[in-house]
């Protein structure tokens, strides 16, 4: 555990040295400044006509988190996709393997380091929005902060695939594009086919194939919408299936990553 912790903090320092951390924070600051300017136009007593302040704030936060969550995830994928390929570069990997750290510890340290970088940045943005809303309207919805956990978990699932493809190809492009494809195209498409398009599909074989892919592919659509909204507005998760199956995908990707990395020649 000590070696994993050391490698995790090393990855955080690497992100800072590459300005990844600073750029992420800078983008978050710009977003927060825009939020302040927008909220300066709002009047508290006209925010939610016909409903309570709590209900109005809840709706406002749902609208905000829907756009912020996507922005956070896209930035996270872009900023962390190069960590593994950078580690595998000649000279870097030779130096790391010469240290008394196992390959499993090295890889897991890099993985958790990427998660730490993303979590800190996402928490900074979410906390900033929460403070702006609270100070403006005098309503403090603690559950809104939970959104940082769901966004980070969704990234962790996609990052496990990025790590695997990074080891296999020693490049960042394949992992980044695969993560974007799942998040933007495949997961929403499978969700639609499973719950809305099934009534229009008569071929049972095709329905079975869709079901298989639906349960295998990470549920980013549900995580970034249903789970996120449920947790931040109701303080509980209504459906744990997207979390469980996505976590299973994460574990499988990490296991394959460790196995391939341990046998790879450098």
C-alpha atoms as a PDB file:
ATOM      1  CA  UNK A   1       0.000   0.000   0.000  1.00  0.00           C
ATOM      2  CA  UNK A   2       2.865   2.370   0.763  1.00  0.00           C
ATOM      3  CA  UNK A   3       4.302   2.011  -2.752  1.00  0.00           C
ATOM      4  CA  UNK A   4       0.878   2.545  -4.315  1.00  0.00           C
ATOM      5  CA  UNK A   5       0.442   5.707  -2.255  1.00  0.00           C
ATOM      6  CA  UNK A   6       3.884   6.956  -3.315  1.00  0.00           C
ATOM      7  CA  UNK A   7       3.118   6.343  -6.997  1.00  0.00           C
ATOM      8  CA  UNK A   8      -0.281   8.015  -6.591  1.00  0.00           C
ATOM      9  CA  UNK A   9       1.296  11.192  -5.231  1.00  0.00           C
ATOM     10  CA  UNK A  10       3.997  10.996  -7.918  1.00  0.00           C
ATOM     11  CA  UNK A  11       1.267  11.022 -10.572  1.00  0.00           C
ATOM     12  CA  UNK A  12      -0.299  14.066  -8.920  1.00  0.00           C
ATOM     13  CA  UNK A  13       3.042  15.871  -9.063  1.00  0.00           C
ATOM     14  CA  UNK A  14       3.431  14.807 -12.708  1.00  0.00           C
ATOM     15  CA  UNK A  15       0.037  16.338 -13.507  1.00  0.00           C
ATOM     16  CA  UNK A  16       1.115  19.583 -11.885  1.00  0.00           C
ATOM     17  CA  UNK A  17       4.436  19.635 -13.743  1.00  0.00           C
ATOM     18  CA  UNK A  18       2.683  19.070 -17.063  1.00  0.00           C
ATOM     19  CA  UNK A  19       0.259  21.908 -16.262  1.00  0.00           C
ATOM     20  CA  UNK A  20      -2.651  19.434 -16.582  1.00  0.00           C
ATOM     21  CA  UNK A  21      -3.779  20.261 -13.071  1.00  0.00           C
ATOM     22  CA  UNK A  22      -3.403  24.022 -13.585  1.00  0.00           C
ATOM     23  CA  UNK A  23      -5.258  24.038 -16.914  1.00  0.00           C
ATOM     24  CA  UNK A  24      -8.136  22.054 -15.391  1.00  0.00           C
ATOM     25  CA  UNK A  25      -8.351  24.482 -12.454  1.00  0.00           C
ATOM     26  CA  UNK A  26      -8.164  27.463 -14.843  1.00  0.00           C
ATOM     27  CA  UNK A  27     -11.087  26.132 -16.896  1.00  0.00           C
ATOM     28  CA  UNK A  28     -13.039  25.521 -13.693  1.00  0.00           C
ATOM     29  CA  UNK A  29     -12.367  29.105 -12.572  1.00  0.00           C
ATOM     30  CA  UNK A  30     -13.654  30.465 -15.885  1.00  0.00           C
ATOM     31  CA  UNK A  31     -16.816  28.388 -15.492  1.00  0.00           C
ATOM     32  CA  UNK A  32     -17.298  29.646 -11.929  1.00  0.00           C
ATOM     33  CA  UNK A  33     -16.805  33.270 -12.976  1.00  0.00           C
ATOM     34  CA  UNK A  34     -19.443  32.804 -15.683  1.00  0.00           C
ATOM     35  CA  UNK A  35     -21.765  31.282 -13.065  1.00  0.00           C
ATOM     36  CA  UNK A  36     -21.274  34.319 -10.800  1.00  0.00           C
ATOM     37  CA  UNK A  37     -22.081  36.687 -13.675  1.00  0.00           C
ATOM     38  CA  UNK A  38     -25.188  34.692 -14.642  1.00  0.00           C
ATOM     39  CA  UNK A  39     -26.462  34.442 -11.068  1.00  0.00           C
ATOM     40  CA  UNK A  40     -25.993  38.181 -10.582  1.00  0.00           C
ATOM     41  CA  UNK A  41     -28.930  38.588 -12.987  1.00  0.00           C
ATOM     42  CA  UNK A  42     -31.214  36.347 -10.911  1.00  0.00           C
ATOM     43  CA  UNK A  43     -33.593  37.663  -8.301  1.00  0.00           C
ATOM     44  CA  UNK A  44     -34.137  35.296  -5.397  1.00  0.00           C
ATOM     45  CA  UNK A  45     -37.881  35.873  -5.194  1.00  0.00           C
ATOM     46  CA  UNK A  46     -38.400  35.145  -8.909  1.00  0.00           C
ATOM     47  CA  UNK A  47     -36.272  31.996  -9.089  1.00  0.00           C
ATOM     48  CA  UNK A  48     -39.077  29.525  -8.574  1.00  0.00           C
ATOM     49  CA  UNK A  49     -42.552  31.088  -8.972  1.00  0.00           C
ATOM     50  CA  UNK A  50     -45.251  28.744  -7.764  1.00  0.00           C
ATOM     51  CA  UNK A  51     -42.910  26.462  -5.826  1.00  0.00           C
ATOM     52  CA  UNK A  52     -40.795  26.468  -2.701  1.00  0.00           C
ATOM     53  CA  UNK A  53     -37.234  27.819  -2.679  1.00  0.00           C
ATOM     54  CA  UNK A  54     -35.884  24.316  -2.032  1.00  0.00           C
ATOM     55  CA  UNK A  55     -37.707  22.914  -5.074  1.00  0.00           C
ATOM     56  CA  UNK A  56     -36.539  25.801  -7.239  1.00  0.00           C
ATOM     57  CA  UNK A  57     -32.912  25.420  -6.145  1.00  0.00           C
ATOM     58  CA  UNK A  58     -33.133  21.670  -6.690  1.00  0.00           C
ATOM     59  CA  UNK A  59     -34.302  22.166 -10.278  1.00  0.00           C
ATOM     60  CA  UNK A  60     -31.636  24.780 -10.878  1.00  0.00           C
ATOM     61  CA  UNK A  61     -28.907  22.482  -9.569  1.00  0.00           C
ATOM     62  CA  UNK A  62     -30.131  19.589 -11.718  1.00  0.00           C
ATOM     63  CA  UNK A  63     -29.920  21.827 -14.788  1.00  0.00           C
ATOM     64  CA  UNK A  64     -26.444  22.993 -13.812  1.00  0.00           C
ATOM     65  CA  UNK A  65     -25.052  19.571 -12.938  1.00  0.00           C
ATOM     66  CA  UNK A  66     -26.296  18.095 -16.221  1.00  0.00           C
ATOM     67  CA  UNK A  67     -23.993  20.400 -18.178  1.00  0.00           C
ATOM     68  CA  UNK A  68     -21.143  20.529 -15.653  1.00  0.00           C
ATOM     69  CA  UNK A  69     -20.950  16.738 -15.324  1.00  0.00           C
ATOM     70  CA  UNK A  70     -20.409  16.296 -19.045  1.00  0.00           C
ATOM     71  CA  UNK A  71     -17.789  19.046 -19.119  1.00  0.00           C
ATOM     72  CA  UNK A  72     -15.944  17.517 -16.153  1.00  0.00           C
ATOM     73  CA  UNK A  73     -15.895  14.071 -17.705  1.00  0.00           C
ATOM     74  CA  UNK A  74     -14.718  15.229 -21.129  1.00  0.00           C
ATOM     75  CA  UNK A  75     -11.922  17.296 -19.589  1.00  0.00           C
ATOM     76  CA  UNK A  76     -10.928  14.424 -17.296  1.00  0.00           C
ATOM     77  CA  UNK A  77     -10.582  11.945 -20.151  1.00  0.00           C
ATOM     78  CA  UNK A  78      -8.521  14.392 -22.185  1.00  0.00           C
ATOM     79  CA  UNK A  79      -6.239  15.396 -19.308  1.00  0.00           C
ATOM     80  CA  UNK A  80      -5.413  11.907 -17.995  1.00  0.00           C
ATOM     81  CA  UNK A  81      -5.217   9.790 -21.138  1.00  0.00           C
ATOM     82  CA  UNK A  82      -1.454  10.399 -21.501  1.00  0.00           C
ATOM     83  CA  UNK A  83      -0.376   9.256 -18.009  1.00  0.00           C
ATOM     84  CA  UNK A  84       0.143   5.588 -18.920  1.00  0.00           C
ATOM     85  CA  UNK A  85       1.803   6.156 -22.337  1.00  0.00           C
ATOM     86  CA  UNK A  86       4.107   8.685 -20.684  1.00  0.00           C
ATOM     87  CA  UNK A  87       5.055   6.122 -18.048  1.00  0.00           C
ATOM     88  CA  UNK A  88       5.824   3.542 -20.744  1.00  0.00           C
ATOM     89  CA  UNK A  89       8.231   5.798 -22.651  1.00  0.00           C
ATOM     90  CA  UNK A  90      11.792   4.548 -22.923  1.00  0.00           C
ATOM     91  CA  UNK A  91      13.795   5.871 -20.027  1.00  0.00           C
ATOM     92  CA  UNK A  92      10.778   6.511 -17.808  1.00  0.00           C
ATOM     93  CA  UNK A  93       9.746   2.872 -17.569  1.00  0.00           C
ATOM     94  CA  UNK A  94      13.351   1.716 -17.151  1.00  0.00           C
ATOM     95  CA  UNK A  95      13.805   4.060 -14.209  1.00  0.00           C
ATOM     96  CA  UNK A  96      10.511   3.043 -12.594  1.00  0.00           C
ATOM     97  CA  UNK A  97      11.137  -0.692 -12.962  1.00  0.00           C
ATOM     98  CA  UNK A  98      14.568  -0.304 -11.373  1.00  0.00           C
ATOM     99  CA  UNK A  99      12.921   0.818  -8.138  1.00  0.00           C
ATOM    100  CA  UNK A 100      11.695  -1.607  -5.442  1.00  0.00           C
ATOM    101  CA  UNK A 101       8.116  -1.343  -6.670  1.00  0.00           C
ATOM    102  CA  UNK A 102       6.197  -4.225  -8.222  1.00  0.00           C
ATOM    103  CA  UNK A 103       4.558  -3.728 -11.600  1.00  0.00           C
ATOM    104  CA  UNK A 104       1.133  -4.158 -10.029  1.00  0.00           C
ATOM    105  CA  UNK A 105       1.856  -1.425  -7.478  1.00  0.00           C
ATOM    106  CA  UNK A 106       3.245   0.814 -10.201  1.00  0.00           C
ATOM    107  CA  UNK A 107       0.184   0.455 -12.406  1.00  0.00           C
ATOM    108  CA  UNK A 108      -2.344   0.821  -9.597  1.00  0.00           C
ATOM    109  CA  UNK A 109      -0.455   3.872  -8.312  1.00  0.00           C
ATOM    110  CA  UNK A 110      -0.734   5.484 -11.744  1.00  0.00           C
ATOM    111  CA  UNK A 111      -4.415   4.580 -11.920  1.00  0.00           C
ATOM    112  CA  UNK A 112      -5.281   5.999  -8.507  1.00  0.00           C
ATOM    113  CA  UNK A 113      -3.089   9.017  -9.222  1.00  0.00           C
ATOM    114  CA  UNK A 114      -5.209   9.823 -12.259  1.00  0.00           C
ATOM    115  CA  UNK A 115      -8.358   9.450 -10.173  1.00  0.00           C
ATOM    116  CA  UNK A 116      -6.942  11.757  -7.502  1.00  0.00           C
ATOM    117  CA  UNK A 117      -6.139  14.451 -10.077  1.00  0.00           C
ATOM    118  CA  UNK A 118      -9.656  14.261 -11.481  1.00  0.00           C
ATOM    119  CA  UNK A 119     -11.389  14.109  -8.095  1.00  0.00           C
ATOM    120  CA  UNK A 120      -9.603  17.211  -6.783  1.00  0.00           C
ATOM    121  CA  UNK A 121     -10.483  19.204  -9.892  1.00  0.00           C
ATOM    122  CA  UNK A 122     -14.098  18.029 -10.005  1.00  0.00           C
ATOM    123  CA  UNK A 123     -14.554  18.698  -6.287  1.00  0.00           C
ATOM    124  CA  UNK A 124     -13.127  22.201  -6.775  1.00  0.00           C
ATOM    125  CA  UNK A 125     -15.672  22.952  -9.509  1.00  0.00           C
ATOM    126  CA  UNK A 126     -18.658  21.373  -7.751  1.00  0.00           C
ATOM    127  CA  UNK A 127     -17.761  23.010  -4.431  1.00  0.00           C
ATOM    128  CA  UNK A 128     -17.433  26.363  -6.168  1.00  0.00           C
ATOM    129  CA  UNK A 129     -20.875  26.074  -7.768  1.00  0.00           C
ATOM    130  CA  UNK A 130     -22.356  24.941  -4.438  1.00  0.00           C
ATOM    131  CA  UNK A 131     -20.910  27.992  -2.669  1.00  0.00           C
ATOM    132  CA  UNK A 132     -22.153  30.359  -5.376  1.00  0.00           C
ATOM    133  CA  UNK A 133     -25.702  28.965  -5.215  1.00  0.00           C
ATOM    134  CA  UNK A 134     -25.683  28.896  -1.416  1.00  0.00           C
ATOM    135  CA  UNK A 135     -24.447  32.452  -1.034  1.00  0.00           C
ATOM    136  CA  UNK A 136     -26.843  33.761  -3.674  1.00  0.00           C
ATOM    137  CA  UNK A 137     -30.036  32.048  -2.529  1.00  0.00           C
ATOM    138  CA  UNK A 138     -29.276  31.124   1.086  1.00  0.00           C
ATOM    139  CA  UNK A 139     -30.053  27.452   0.510  1.00  0.00           C
ATOM    140  CA  UNK A 140     -27.339  24.851   1.114  1.00  0.00           C
ATOM    141  CA  UNK A 141     -28.030  21.495  -0.522  1.00  0.00           C
ATOM    142  CA  UNK A 142     -25.289  19.231   0.843  1.00  0.00           C
ATOM    143  CA  UNK A 143     -26.420  16.416  -1.463  1.00  0.00           C
ATOM    144  CA  UNK A 144     -25.253  18.473  -4.434  1.00  0.00           C
ATOM    145  CA  UNK A 145     -21.656  17.785  -3.369  1.00  0.00           C
ATOM    146  CA  UNK A 146     -22.243  14.052  -3.845  1.00  0.00           C
ATOM    147  CA  UNK A 147     -22.249  14.661  -7.583  1.00  0.00           C
ATOM    148  CA  UNK A 148     -18.442  14.864  -7.454  1.00  0.00           C
ATOM    149  CA  UNK A 149     -18.364  11.214  -6.335  1.00  0.00           C
ATOM    150  CA  UNK A 150     -20.603   9.993  -9.161  1.00  0.00           C
ATOM    151  CA  UNK A 151     -18.672  11.931 -11.817  1.00  0.00           C
ATOM    152  CA  UNK A 152     -15.359  10.614 -10.465  1.00  0.00           C
ATOM    153  CA  UNK A 153     -16.709   7.054 -10.395  1.00  0.00           C
ATOM    154  CA  UNK A 154     -17.904   7.353 -14.002  1.00  0.00           C
ATOM    155  CA  UNK A 155     -14.451   8.579 -14.972  1.00  0.00           C
ATOM    156  CA  UNK A 156     -12.838   5.737 -12.995  1.00  0.00           C
ATOM    157  CA  UNK A 157     -14.768   3.215 -15.088  1.00  0.00           C
ATOM    158  CA  UNK A 158     -13.735   4.796 -18.389  1.00  0.00           C
ATOM    159  CA  UNK A 159     -10.189   5.378 -17.130  1.00  0.00           C
ATOM    160  CA  UNK A 160      -9.777   1.642 -16.514  1.00  0.00           C
ATOM    161  CA  UNK A 161     -10.326   1.125 -20.258  1.00  0.00           C
ATOM    162  CA  UNK A 162      -7.949   3.989 -21.079  1.00  0.00           C
ATOM    163  CA  UNK A 163      -5.285   2.326 -18.918  1.00  0.00           C
ATOM    164  CA  UNK A 164      -5.739  -1.049 -20.647  1.00  0.00           C
ATOM    165  CA  UNK A 165      -5.541   0.402 -24.162  1.00  0.00           C
ATOM    166  CA  UNK A 166      -2.641   2.618 -23.108  1.00  0.00           C
ATOM    167  CA  UNK A 167      -0.656  -0.466 -22.073  1.00  0.00           C
ATOM    168  CA  UNK A 168      -1.589  -2.379 -25.215  1.00  0.00           C
ATOM    169  CA  UNK A 169      -0.851   0.418 -27.700  1.00  0.00           C
ATOM    170  CA  UNK A 170       1.587   2.566 -25.667  1.00  0.00           C
ATOM    171  CA  UNK A 171      -0.342   5.573 -26.959  1.00  0.00           C
ATOM    172  CA  UNK A 172      -3.113   7.795 -25.634  1.00  0.00           C
ATOM    173  CA  UNK A 173      -5.297   8.241 -28.713  1.00  0.00           C
ATOM    174  CA  UNK A 174      -6.982   4.806 -28.757  1.00  0.00           C
ATOM    175  CA  UNK A 175      -7.986   4.933 -25.098  1.00  0.00           C
ATOM    176  CA  UNK A 176      -9.214   8.504 -25.319  1.00  0.00           C
ATOM    177  CA  UNK A 177     -11.303   7.841 -28.431  1.00  0.00           C
ATOM    178  CA  UNK A 178     -12.738   4.616 -26.958  1.00  0.00           C
ATOM    179  CA  UNK A 179     -13.782   6.459 -23.791  1.00  0.00           C
ATOM    180  CA  UNK A 180     -15.374   9.272 -25.785  1.00  0.00           C
ATOM    181  CA  UNK A 181     -17.166   6.763 -28.032  1.00  0.00           C
ATOM    182  CA  UNK A 182     -18.657   4.896 -25.064  1.00  0.00           C
ATOM    183  CA  UNK A 183     -19.718   8.063 -23.271  1.00  0.00           C
ATOM    184  CA  UNK A 184     -21.054  10.060 -26.224  1.00  0.00           C
ATOM    185  CA  UNK A 185     -22.362   7.356 -28.576  1.00  0.00           C
ATOM    186  CA  UNK A 186     -22.464   3.746 -27.393  1.00  0.00           C
ATOM    187  CA  UNK A 187     -23.907   4.038 -23.877  1.00  0.00           C
ATOM    188  CA  UNK A 188     -26.736   6.441 -24.861  1.00  0.00           C
ATOM    189  CA  UNK A 189     -27.505   4.293 -27.926  1.00  0.00           C
ATOM    190  CA  UNK A 190     -27.686   1.066 -25.902  1.00  0.00           C
ATOM    191  CA  UNK A 191     -29.842   2.759 -23.275  1.00  0.00           C
ATOM    192  CA  UNK A 192     -32.270   3.915 -25.952  1.00  0.00           C
ATOM    193  CA  UNK A 193     -32.333   0.510 -27.659  1.00  0.00           C
ATOM    194  CA  UNK A 194     -32.862  -1.304 -24.348  1.00  0.00           C
ATOM    195  CA  UNK A 195     -35.676   0.808 -22.917  1.00  0.00           C
ATOM    196  CA  UNK A 196     -37.273   2.653 -25.828  1.00  0.00           C
ATOM    197  CA  UNK A 197     -36.322   0.889 -29.035  1.00  0.00           C
ATOM    198  CA  UNK A 198     -37.149  -2.626 -27.806  1.00  0.00           C
ATOM    199  CA  UNK A 199     -40.837  -2.159 -28.695  1.00  0.00           C
ATOM    200  CA  UNK A 200     -39.867  -1.635 -32.326  1.00  0.00           C
ATOM    201  CA  UNK A 201     -37.451  -4.583 -32.553  1.00  0.00           C
ATOM    202  CA  UNK A 202     -39.114  -7.895 -33.407  1.00  0.00           C
ATOM    203  CA  UNK A 203     -35.979  -9.985 -33.910  1.00  0.00           C
ATOM    204  CA  UNK A 204     -35.334 -11.840 -30.633  1.00  0.00           C
ATOM    205  CA  UNK A 205     -31.701 -12.513 -31.514  1.00  0.00           C
ATOM    206  CA  UNK A 206     -31.075  -8.812 -31.985  1.00  0.00           C
ATOM    207  CA  UNK A 207     -32.789  -8.089 -28.651  1.00  0.00           C
ATOM    208  CA  UNK A 208     -30.504 -10.624 -26.949  1.00  0.00           C
ATOM    209  CA  UNK A 209     -27.414  -9.051 -28.508  1.00  0.00           C
ATOM    210  CA  UNK A 210     -28.528  -5.601 -27.353  1.00  0.00           C
ATOM    211  CA  UNK A 211     -29.100  -6.948 -23.824  1.00  0.00           C
ATOM    212  CA  UNK A 212     -25.631  -8.492 -23.717  1.00  0.00           C
ATOM    213  CA  UNK A 213     -23.949  -5.309 -24.865  1.00  0.00           C
ATOM    214  CA  UNK A 214     -26.089  -3.213 -22.536  1.00  0.00           C
ATOM    215  CA  UNK A 215     -24.937  -5.110 -19.443  1.00  0.00           C
ATOM    216  CA  UNK A 216     -21.296  -5.383 -20.578  1.00  0.00           C
ATOM    217  CA  UNK A 217     -20.695  -1.766 -21.600  1.00  0.00           C
ATOM    218  CA  UNK A 218     -20.366   0.821 -18.774  1.00  0.00           C
ATOM    219  CA  UNK A 219     -23.660   2.599 -18.005  1.00  0.00           C
ATOM    220  CA  UNK A 220     -22.347   6.137 -18.355  1.00  0.00           C
ATOM    221  CA  UNK A 221     -25.739   7.298 -19.617  1.00  0.00           C
ATOM    222  CA  UNK A 222     -27.506   6.167 -16.436  1.00  0.00           C
ATOM    223  CA  UNK A 223     -24.669   7.170 -14.102  1.00  0.00           C
ATOM    224  CA  UNK A 224     -24.430  10.720 -15.421  1.00  0.00           C
ATOM    225  CA  UNK A 225     -28.186  11.210 -15.516  1.00  0.00           C
ATOM    226  CA  UNK A 226     -30.450   9.000 -13.387  1.00  0.00           C
ATOM    227  CA  UNK A 227     -27.946   8.114 -10.647  1.00  0.00           C
ATOM    228  CA  UNK A 228     -26.527  11.632 -10.478  1.00  0.00           C
ATOM    229  CA  UNK A 229     -29.936  13.307 -10.270  1.00  0.00           C
ATOM    230  CA  UNK A 230     -31.285  10.769  -7.771  1.00  0.00           C
ATOM    231  CA  UNK A 231     -28.345  11.137  -5.407  1.00  0.00           C
ATOM    232  CA  UNK A 232     -28.131  14.932  -5.546  1.00  0.00           C
ATOM    233  CA  UNK A 233     -31.871  15.585  -5.149  1.00  0.00           C
ATOM    234  CA  UNK A 234     -33.135  12.645  -3.055  1.00  0.00           C
ATOM    235  CA  UNK A 235     -29.991  11.745  -1.077  1.00  0.00           C
ATOM    236  CA  UNK A 236     -30.201   8.122  -2.178  1.00  0.00           C
ATOM    237  CA  UNK A 237     -29.673   5.956  -5.267  1.00  0.00           C
ATOM    238  CA  UNK A 238     -32.817   4.414  -6.725  1.00  0.00           C
ATOM    239  CA  UNK A 239     -31.152   1.848  -8.992  1.00  0.00           C
ATOM    240  CA  UNK A 240     -27.806   0.232  -8.139  1.00  0.00           C
ATOM    241  CA  UNK A 241     -27.601  -1.860 -11.308  1.00  0.00           C
ATOM    242  CA  UNK A 242     -25.655   0.758 -13.338  1.00  0.00           C
ATOM    243  CA  UNK A 243     -23.169   1.123 -10.477  1.00  0.00           C
ATOM    244  CA  UNK A 244     -22.709  -2.630  -9.997  1.00  0.00           C
ATOM    245  CA  UNK A 245     -22.273  -3.574 -13.665  1.00  0.00           C
ATOM    246  CA  UNK A 246     -20.011  -0.585 -14.360  1.00  0.00           C
ATOM    247  CA  UNK A 247     -17.870  -1.473 -11.348  1.00  0.00           C
ATOM    248  CA  UNK A 248     -17.599  -5.039 -12.657  1.00  0.00           C
ATOM    249  CA  UNK A 249     -16.349  -3.623 -15.987  1.00  0.00           C
ATOM    250  CA  UNK A 250     -13.796  -1.520 -14.081  1.00  0.00           C
ATOM    251  CA  UNK A 251     -12.454  -4.552 -12.216  1.00  0.00           C
ATOM    252  CA  UNK A 252     -12.160  -6.638 -15.387  1.00  0.00           C
ATOM    253  CA  UNK A 253     -10.280  -3.875 -17.205  1.00  0.00           C
ATOM    254  CA  UNK A 254      -7.860  -3.405 -14.304  1.00  0.00           C
ATOM    255  CA  UNK A 255      -7.239  -7.149 -13.973  1.00  0.00           C
ATOM    256  CA  UNK A 256      -6.416  -7.436 -17.676  1.00  0.00           C
ATOM    257  CA  UNK A 257      -4.248  -4.326 -17.441  1.00  0.00           C
ATOM    258  CA  UNK A 258      -2.224  -5.760 -14.565  1.00  0.00           C
ATOM    259  CA  UNK A 259      -1.830  -9.160 -16.261  1.00  0.00           C
ATOM    260  CA  UNK A 260      -0.654  -7.640 -19.557  1.00  0.00           C
ATOM    261  CA  UNK A 261       1.623  -5.126 -17.849  1.00  0.00           C
ATOM    262  CA  UNK A 262       3.308  -7.810 -15.732  1.00  0.00           C
ATOM    263  CA  UNK A 263       4.162  -9.886 -18.817  1.00  0.00           C
ATOM    264  CA  UNK A 264       5.157  -7.010 -21.124  1.00  0.00           C
ATOM    265  CA  UNK A 265       8.816  -6.661 -22.079  1.00  0.00           C
ATOM    266  CA  UNK A 266      10.470  -3.248 -21.906  1.00  0.00           C
END
